[in-house]
Amino acid sequence: MGVRIIATGKALPKLRVDNDRIKDFVDTDSEWITSRTGIEARHVAEEETALDISVQAARQAMRGDGIFGAGSLGVGPIDTSDIGLLIFATVTPDMLVPSMGALVKKEMGLENAISFDLNAACSGFIFGTWVAESLMRTAGIKRALVIGSERLSRIVNWEDRGTCILFGDGAGAVILELDPEKPGIIGFHIQNYDDVGDALTCGMSYKTTPFTKETQKRPMYLEMNGTQVFRFAVGAVTEVMEKVLEKTGLKVTDINYFVPHQANIRIISNVAQKFNIPMEKFQVSIENTGNTSAASVPMALDDLLRSGKVKAGDKVMLVGFGGGLSAGAIIMEF
């Protein structure tokens, strides 16, 4: 019995901030950013909330409008009552209580959905899909909605050139279906690593109490050691890709397309060289989105599937890596 992706959706805020605009905040230029990251622009929420863009992405997925190949696998509109599980991956919720999952459930009228949030940073969508697939198999849930959504612009230090050029806002969503006749997800490999050097952190600010003696240790914005993160990313992606291939008995040449976390084009290129994979097999969407953390993989997957390149029977590998430190890979057959 398989769990397969039957529909996807994505949403970006209206405001597109190109690299030249970043010069207003830090000493940089467009060519410098593009050559080092592959990013030409990112989208930043001015008026939209994380809930707004998440619901927009989810509603697009719920239309089930024939995105695979020539539309042969399009499922048509999906009823809200069919969604039995909603997992929301994010590090930038609009609020802590209710959870973002609960807010989406209410906004969309998903009356039968069990909903909750998950924080695994940029690996969030991979972890969320792994949890959803496990629960669907064990609890017999027919359909699930997994959303990765971020408004990273509100935790970015816009005076730090090393981070503010990298991140953007967006949301991606997929609908999973338990199908006894389809292979769907063939295998997972999920892994955590200790961030012993604090390579990627973001503090949290709480209101002080009359009793507390603690002081805020880290600012409430992203801090990153780019060199450490790059080394971790290349090594972790290589490891999880090798392990998921080993678990499934597949070779890298059996995979038709790869959808990596969109963090930096140099990371993707480095991994492609390590495995001798043509870059044409990698979905690269980073030029117009930047790094959108948990939203990155589902948005890039939506781009790939809507391109019409994926056909029935094709195998696609999703790969994520991020803070924690964490990494994971999924292989699925469409």
Protein backbone atom coordinates (compact mmCIF):
# COMPACT_ATOMS: atom_id res chain seq x y z
CA MET A 1 0.00 0.00 0.00
CA GLY A 2 1.53 3.29 -1.10
CA VAL A 3 1.27 6.92 -0.12
CA ARG A 4 1.56 9.19 -3.13
CA ILE A 5 1.46 12.91 -3.87
CA ILE A 6 -1.66 13.66 -5.91
CA ALA A 7 -1.60 17.47 -5.99
CA THR A 8 0.65 20.43 -5.20
CA GLY A 9 0.38 24.19 -4.83
CA LYS A 10 2.53 27.19 -4.04
CA ALA A 11 2.15 30.87 -3.21
CA LEU A 12 4.51 33.84 -3.10
CA PRO A 13 3.90 37.30 -1.62
CA LYS A 14 3.21 40.03 -4.17
CA LEU A 15 6.35 42.07 -3.46
CA ARG A 16 9.35 40.89 -5.48
CA VAL A 17 12.64 42.26 -4.14
CA ASP A 18 15.45 41.97 -6.66
CA ASN A 19 19.13 42.09 -5.75
CA ASP A 20 19.53 45.75 -6.62
CA ARG A 21 17.02 46.61 -3.92
CA ILE A 22 19.22 44.90 -1.30
CA LYS A 23 21.82 47.62 -1.92
CA ASP A 24 19.53 49.91 0.08
CA PHE A 25 20.41 47.98 3.24
CA VAL A 26 23.93 46.53 2.88
CA ASP A 27 27.08 46.97 0.81
CA THR A 28 26.55 44.54 -2.07
CA ASP A 29 25.56 44.35 -5.73
CA SER A 30 23.42 42.08 -7.85
CA GLU A 31 26.28 40.34 -9.65
CA TRP A 32 28.01 39.53 -6.34
CA ILE A 33 24.83 37.94 -4.93
CA THR A 34 23.94 35.99 -8.07
CA SER A 35 27.45 34.64 -8.62
CA ARG A 36 27.69 33.32 -5.04
CA THR A 37 24.14 32.11 -4.48
CA GLY A 38 22.22 31.85 -7.75
CA ILE A 39 19.59 34.23 -6.33
CA GLU A 40 18.30 37.08 -8.47
CA ALA A 41 15.26 38.01 -6.37
CA ARG A 42 13.13 36.94 -3.44
CA HIS A 43 9.54 37.67 -2.38
CA VAL A 44 8.80 39.53 0.85
CA ALA A 45 5.43 39.75 2.59
CA GLU A 46 4.31 43.35 3.11
CA GLU A 47 0.66 42.82 3.90
CA GLU A 48 0.28 39.04 3.66
CA THR A 49 0.42 36.89 6.76
CA ALA A 50 1.89 33.40 6.80
CA LEU A 51 -1.70 32.18 7.02
CA ASP A 52 -2.62 34.09 3.85
CA ILE A 53 0.05 32.54 1.65
CA SER A 54 -0.37 29.10 3.23
CA VAL A 55 -4.09 28.99 2.51
CA GLN A 56 -3.44 30.23 -1.03
CA ALA A 57 -0.97 27.38 -1.65
CA ALA A 58 -3.25 24.81 -0.03
CA ARG A 59 -6.28 25.90 -2.05
CA GLN A 60 -4.29 25.62 -5.25
CA ALA A 61 -3.37 22.06 -4.29
CA MET A 62 -7.00 21.29 -3.41
CA ARG A 63 -7.99 22.09 -6.99
CA GLY A 64 -6.08 18.98 -8.10
CA ASP A 65 -5.91 20.44 -11.56
CA GLY A 66 -3.88 17.93 -13.53
CA ILE A 67 -0.30 19.01 -13.02
CA PHE A 68 1.50 15.75 -13.81
CA GLY A 69 2.74 15.42 -17.34
CA ALA A 70 -0.09 16.11 -19.77
CA GLY A 71 -2.63 16.02 -16.95
CA SER A 72 -3.09 12.25 -17.05
CA LEU A 73 -2.77 12.00 -13.28
CA GLY A 74 -4.89 15.02 -12.41
CA VAL A 75 -7.37 14.09 -9.69
CA GLY A 76 -9.76 17.01 -9.97
CA PRO A 77 -11.13 19.06 -7.06
CA ILE A 78 -10.55 17.60 -3.60
CA ASP A 79 -13.30 18.01 -1.02
CA THR A 80 -12.33 19.60 2.29
CA SER A 81 -13.98 16.73 4.17
CA ASP A 82 -11.47 14.29 2.59
CA ILE A 83 -8.46 15.74 4.46
CA GLY A 84 -7.88 13.70 7.61
CA LEU A 85 -4.48 15.12 8.59
CA LEU A 86 -2.76 18.50 8.28
CA ILE A 87 0.92 18.92 9.14
CA PHE A 88 2.31 22.46 8.99
CA ALA A 89 6.11 22.88 8.81
CA THR A 90 7.49 26.29 9.77
CA VAL A 91 9.93 28.26 11.92
CA THR A 92 8.04 31.56 11.48
CA PRO A 93 4.43 31.08 12.62
CA ASP A 94 2.08 34.04 12.86
CA MET A 95 1.43 33.04 16.46
CA LEU A 96 2.25 30.25 18.88
CA VAL A 97 -1.32 29.46 19.93
CA PRO A 98 -3.34 28.45 18.01
CA SER A 99 -0.87 26.57 15.87
CA MET A 100 -0.61 27.42 12.18
CA GLY A 101 -2.12 24.03 11.40
CA ALA A 102 -5.15 24.87 13.52
CA LEU A 103 -5.49 28.26 11.82
CA VAL A 104 -5.39 26.74 8.35
CA LYS A 105 -7.87 24.04 9.39
CA LYS A 106 -10.33 26.69 10.57
CA GLU A 107 -9.82 29.03 7.60
CA MET A 108 -10.32 26.25 5.04
CA GLY A 109 -13.07 24.37 6.85
CA LEU A 110 -11.12 21.10 7.09
CA GLU A 111 -13.62 19.59 9.52
CA ASN A 112 -12.07 16.13 9.69
CA ALA A 113 -8.38 17.06 9.85
CA ILE A 114 -6.12 16.44 12.80
CA SER A 115 -3.68 19.36 12.64
CA PHE A 116 -0.39 20.34 14.24
CA ASP A 117 2.86 22.20 13.55
CA LEU A 118 6.37 20.82 13.07
CA ASN A 119 9.69 22.66 13.31
CA ALA A 120 12.67 21.09 11.57
CA ALA A 121 13.91 24.31 9.95
CA CYS A 122 14.73 23.91 6.24
CA SER A 123 14.17 20.14 6.50
CA GLY A 124 10.64 20.75 7.78
CA PHE A 125 8.75 19.64 4.69
CA ILE A 126 10.79 16.43 4.40
CA PHE A 127 10.20 15.63 8.08
CA GLY A 128 6.51 16.57 7.80
CA THR A 129 5.98 14.28 4.81
CA TRP A 130 7.75 11.45 6.64
CA VAL A 131 5.45 11.89 9.67
CA ALA A 132 2.35 12.15 7.47
CA GLU A 133 3.22 8.99 5.52
CA SER A 134 3.80 7.07 8.75
CA LEU A 135 0.50 8.19 10.29
CA MET A 136 -1.43 7.50 7.11
CA ARG A 137 -0.16 3.93 6.97
CA THR A 138 -0.72 3.19 10.67
CA ALA A 139 -4.01 5.06 11.19
CA GLY A 140 -5.54 4.47 7.77
CA ILE A 141 -5.84 8.17 6.94
CA LYS A 142 -6.94 8.45 3.32
CA ARG A 143 -5.69 11.95 2.48
CA ALA A 144 -3.35 14.42 4.18
CA LEU A 145 -2.26 18.00 3.55
CA VAL A 146 1.38 18.90 4.25
CA ILE A 147 2.33 22.58 4.12
CA GLY A 148 5.75 24.23 4.32
CA SER A 149 5.43 27.97 4.84
CA GLU A 150 7.78 30.74 5.96
CA ARG A 151 8.01 34.47 6.44
CA LEU A 152 11.75 34.51 7.01
CA SER A 153 11.93 38.22 6.19
CA ARG A 154 10.77 38.97 9.73
CA ILE A 155 13.63 37.08 11.39
CA VAL A 156 16.37 38.26 9.00
CA ASN A 157 18.85 40.91 10.12
CA TRP A 158 18.62 43.34 7.20
CA GLU A 159 21.98 44.84 8.21
CA ASP A 160 23.83 41.52 7.85
CA ARG A 161 25.01 40.97 4.27
CA GLY A 162 25.80 37.33 4.97
CA THR A 163 22.15 36.43 5.62
CA CYS A 164 19.74 39.08 4.31
CA ILE A 165 20.63 38.33 0.68
CA LEU A 166 19.67 34.68 1.05
CA PHE A 167 16.16 34.40 2.42
CA GLY A 168 12.62 34.98 1.20
CA ASP A 169 8.98 34.28 2.01
CA GLY A 170 6.64 31.71 0.47
CA ALA A 171 4.46 28.65 0.95
CA GLY A 172 4.18 25.24 -0.68
CA ALA A 173 1.60 22.50 -0.16
CA VAL A 174 1.08 18.89 -1.20
CA ILE A 175 -1.80 16.48 -0.82
CA LEU A 176 -0.94 12.88 -0.04
CA GLU A 177 -3.23 9.95 -0.74
CA LEU A 178 -3.16 6.41 0.63
CA ASP A 179 -3.52 4.23 -2.46
CA PRO A 180 -3.24 0.41 -2.39
CA GLU A 181 -2.50 0.26 -6.11
CA LYS A 182 0.24 2.90 -6.42
CA PRO A 183 3.84 2.73 -5.14
CA GLY A 184 4.04 6.45 -4.33
CA ILE A 185 6.73 7.00 -1.70
CA ILE A 186 9.31 4.26 -2.11
CA GLY A 187 11.68 5.18 0.69
CA PHE A 188 12.94 7.72 3.24
CA HIS A 189 16.13 8.48 5.06
CA ILE A 190 15.94 11.04 7.87
CA GLN A 191 18.93 12.09 9.97
CA ASN A 192 19.92 14.61 12.64
CA TYR A 193 23.36 16.03 13.44
CA ASP A 194 24.39 18.06 16.48
CA ASP A 195 25.11 21.71 15.69
CA VAL A 196 28.14 21.79 17.98
CA GLY A 197 29.45 25.02 16.48
CA ASP A 198 26.12 26.88 16.47
CA ALA A 199 26.41 27.27 12.72
CA LEU A 200 22.76 28.25 12.25
CA THR A 201 20.67 29.75 15.04
CA CYS A 202 17.82 32.12 15.76
CA GLY A 203 17.06 33.25 19.29
CA MET A 204 13.66 33.73 20.91
CA SER A 205 12.42 36.73 22.86
CA TYR A 206 10.02 36.32 25.77
CA LYS A 207 8.55 38.87 28.13
CA THR A 208 10.43 38.90 31.42
CA THR A 209 8.70 37.79 34.60
CA PRO A 210 9.13 38.97 38.21
CA PHE A 211 10.91 35.68 38.95
CA THR A 212 13.23 34.97 36.07
CA LYS A 213 16.96 35.48 36.32
CA GLU A 214 17.81 34.38 32.79
CA THR A 215 18.96 36.82 30.15
CA GLN A 216 18.37 36.59 26.43
CA LYS A 217 21.36 34.70 25.06
CA ARG A 218 20.80 35.15 21.32
CA PRO A 219 19.05 37.82 19.26
CA MET A 220 15.75 36.98 17.59
CA TYR A 221 17.16 36.91 14.09
CA LEU A 222 19.04 34.41 11.98
CA GLU A 223 22.75 34.03 12.61
CA MET A 224 24.75 31.79 10.29
CA ASN A 225 28.32 30.73 9.73
CA GLY A 226 28.16 30.37 5.96
CA THR A 227 31.32 28.27 5.59
CA GLN A 228 30.21 25.76 8.25
CA VAL A 229 26.72 25.52 6.79
CA PHE A 230 28.06 24.95 3.27
CA ARG A 231 30.34 22.13 4.41
CA PHE A 232 27.56 20.54 6.44
CA ALA A 233 25.06 20.82 3.57
CA VAL A 234 27.26 19.14 0.96
CA GLY A 235 28.22 16.34 3.32
CA ALA A 236 24.72 15.77 4.68
CA VAL A 237 23.03 15.82 1.28
CA THR A 238 25.56 13.33 -0.03
CA GLU A 239 24.98 11.07 2.97
CA VAL A 240 21.16 11.04 2.92
CA MET A 241 21.06 10.56 -0.84
CA GLU A 242 23.40 7.58 -0.62
CA LYS A 243 21.46 6.05 2.26
CA VAL A 244 18.01 6.38 0.70
CA LEU A 245 19.34 4.82 -2.51
CA GLU A 246 20.84 1.98 -0.47
CA LYS A 247 17.58 1.44 1.42
CA THR A 248 15.51 1.27 -1.78
CA GLY A 249 18.01 -0.73 -3.83
CA LEU A 250 18.06 1.96 -6.49
CA LYS A 251 20.94 3.61 -8.33
CA VAL A 252 21.33 7.31 -8.83
CA THR A 253 20.74 6.73 -12.55
CA ASP A 254 17.27 5.33 -11.71
CA ILE A 255 16.14 8.76 -10.50
CA ASN A 256 14.60 10.93 -13.21
CA TYR A 257 14.56 14.22 -11.31
CA PHE A 258 15.93 15.68 -8.08
CA VAL A 259 14.23 18.41 -6.03
CA PRO A 260 16.77 19.76 -3.52
CA HIS A 261 16.29 22.40 -0.86
CA GLN A 262 16.87 25.72 -2.58
CA ALA A 263 19.56 27.19 -0.35
CA ASN A 264 22.45 27.99 -2.68
CA ILE A 265 23.14 27.04 -6.30
CA ARG A 266 26.74 26.17 -5.36
CA ILE A 267 25.50 23.45 -3.00
CA ILE A 268 23.30 21.95 -5.72
CA SER A 269 26.12 22.12 -8.27
CA ASN A 270 28.59 20.52 -5.86
CA VAL A 271 26.24 17.61 -5.17
CA ALA A 272 25.55 17.16 -8.89
CA GLN A 273 29.31 16.88 -9.51
CA LYS A 274 29.80 14.40 -6.66
CA PHE A 275 27.20 12.04 -8.12
CA ASN A 276 27.95 12.85 -11.77
CA ILE A 277 24.31 13.89 -12.29
CA PRO A 278 23.49 16.33 -15.12
CA MET A 279 22.24 19.65 -13.76
CA GLU A 280 19.23 19.27 -16.09
CA LYS A 281 17.92 16.64 -13.67
CA PHE A 282 17.82 19.12 -10.78
CA GLN A 283 14.87 21.43 -10.28
CA VAL A 284 16.39 24.86 -9.61
CA SER A 285 13.95 27.57 -8.54
CA ILE A 286 16.19 29.58 -6.25
CA GLU A 287 16.74 32.47 -8.67
CA ASN A 288 13.25 33.88 -8.00
CA THR A 289 12.62 32.79 -4.42
CA GLY A 290 15.83 32.68 -2.43
CA ASN A 291 15.94 30.28 0.50
CA THR A 292 12.40 29.83 1.86
CA SER A 293 13.29 27.16 4.43
CA ALA A 294 10.40 24.70 4.95
CA ALA A 295 8.57 26.10 1.89
CA SER A 296 11.54 25.52 -0.41
CA VAL A 297 11.10 21.87 -1.43
CA PRO A 298 7.30 21.86 -1.92
CA MET A 299 7.47 25.06 -3.98
CA ALA A 300 10.24 23.65 -6.17
CA LEU A 301 8.32 20.39 -6.53
CA ASP A 302 5.28 22.35 -7.69
CA ASP A 303 7.46 24.08 -10.29
CA LEU A 304 8.79 20.75 -11.54
CA LEU A 305 5.42 19.06 -11.79
CA ARG A 306 3.77 22.02 -13.51
CA SER A 307 6.59 22.07 -16.06
CA GLY A 308 5.15 18.93 -17.62
CA LYS A 309 8.47 17.09 -17.53
CA VAL A 310 7.45 14.40 -15.02
CA LYS A 311 5.60 11.44 -16.53
CA ALA A 312 3.80 8.49 -14.98
CA GLY A 313 6.38 6.01 -13.69
CA ASP A 314 9.12 8.60 -13.20
CA LYS A 315 11.06 8.54 -9.94
CA VAL A 316 11.75 11.82 -8.12
CA MET A 317 14.03 12.38 -5.14
CA LEU A 318 13.32 15.19 -2.67
CA VAL A 319 16.25 16.32 -0.50
CA GLY A 320 16.25 18.72 2.44
CA PHE A 321 18.82 19.96 4.93
CA GLY A 322 18.78 22.65 7.56
CA GLY A 323 19.15 23.89 11.11
CA GLY A 324 19.26 21.55 14.04
CA LEU A 325 21.20 20.23 12.19
CA SER A 326 18.99 18.01 10.06
CA ALA A 327 18.70 16.36 6.66
CA GLY A 328 16.49 13.93 4.82
CA ALA A 329 15.66 12.42 1.44
CA ILE A 330 12.54 10.89 -0.07
CA ILE A 331 12.20 8.83 -3.25
CA MET A 332 8.77 8.59 -4.84
CA GLU A 333 7.32 7.22 -8.05
CA PHE A 334 4.63 9.13 -9.91
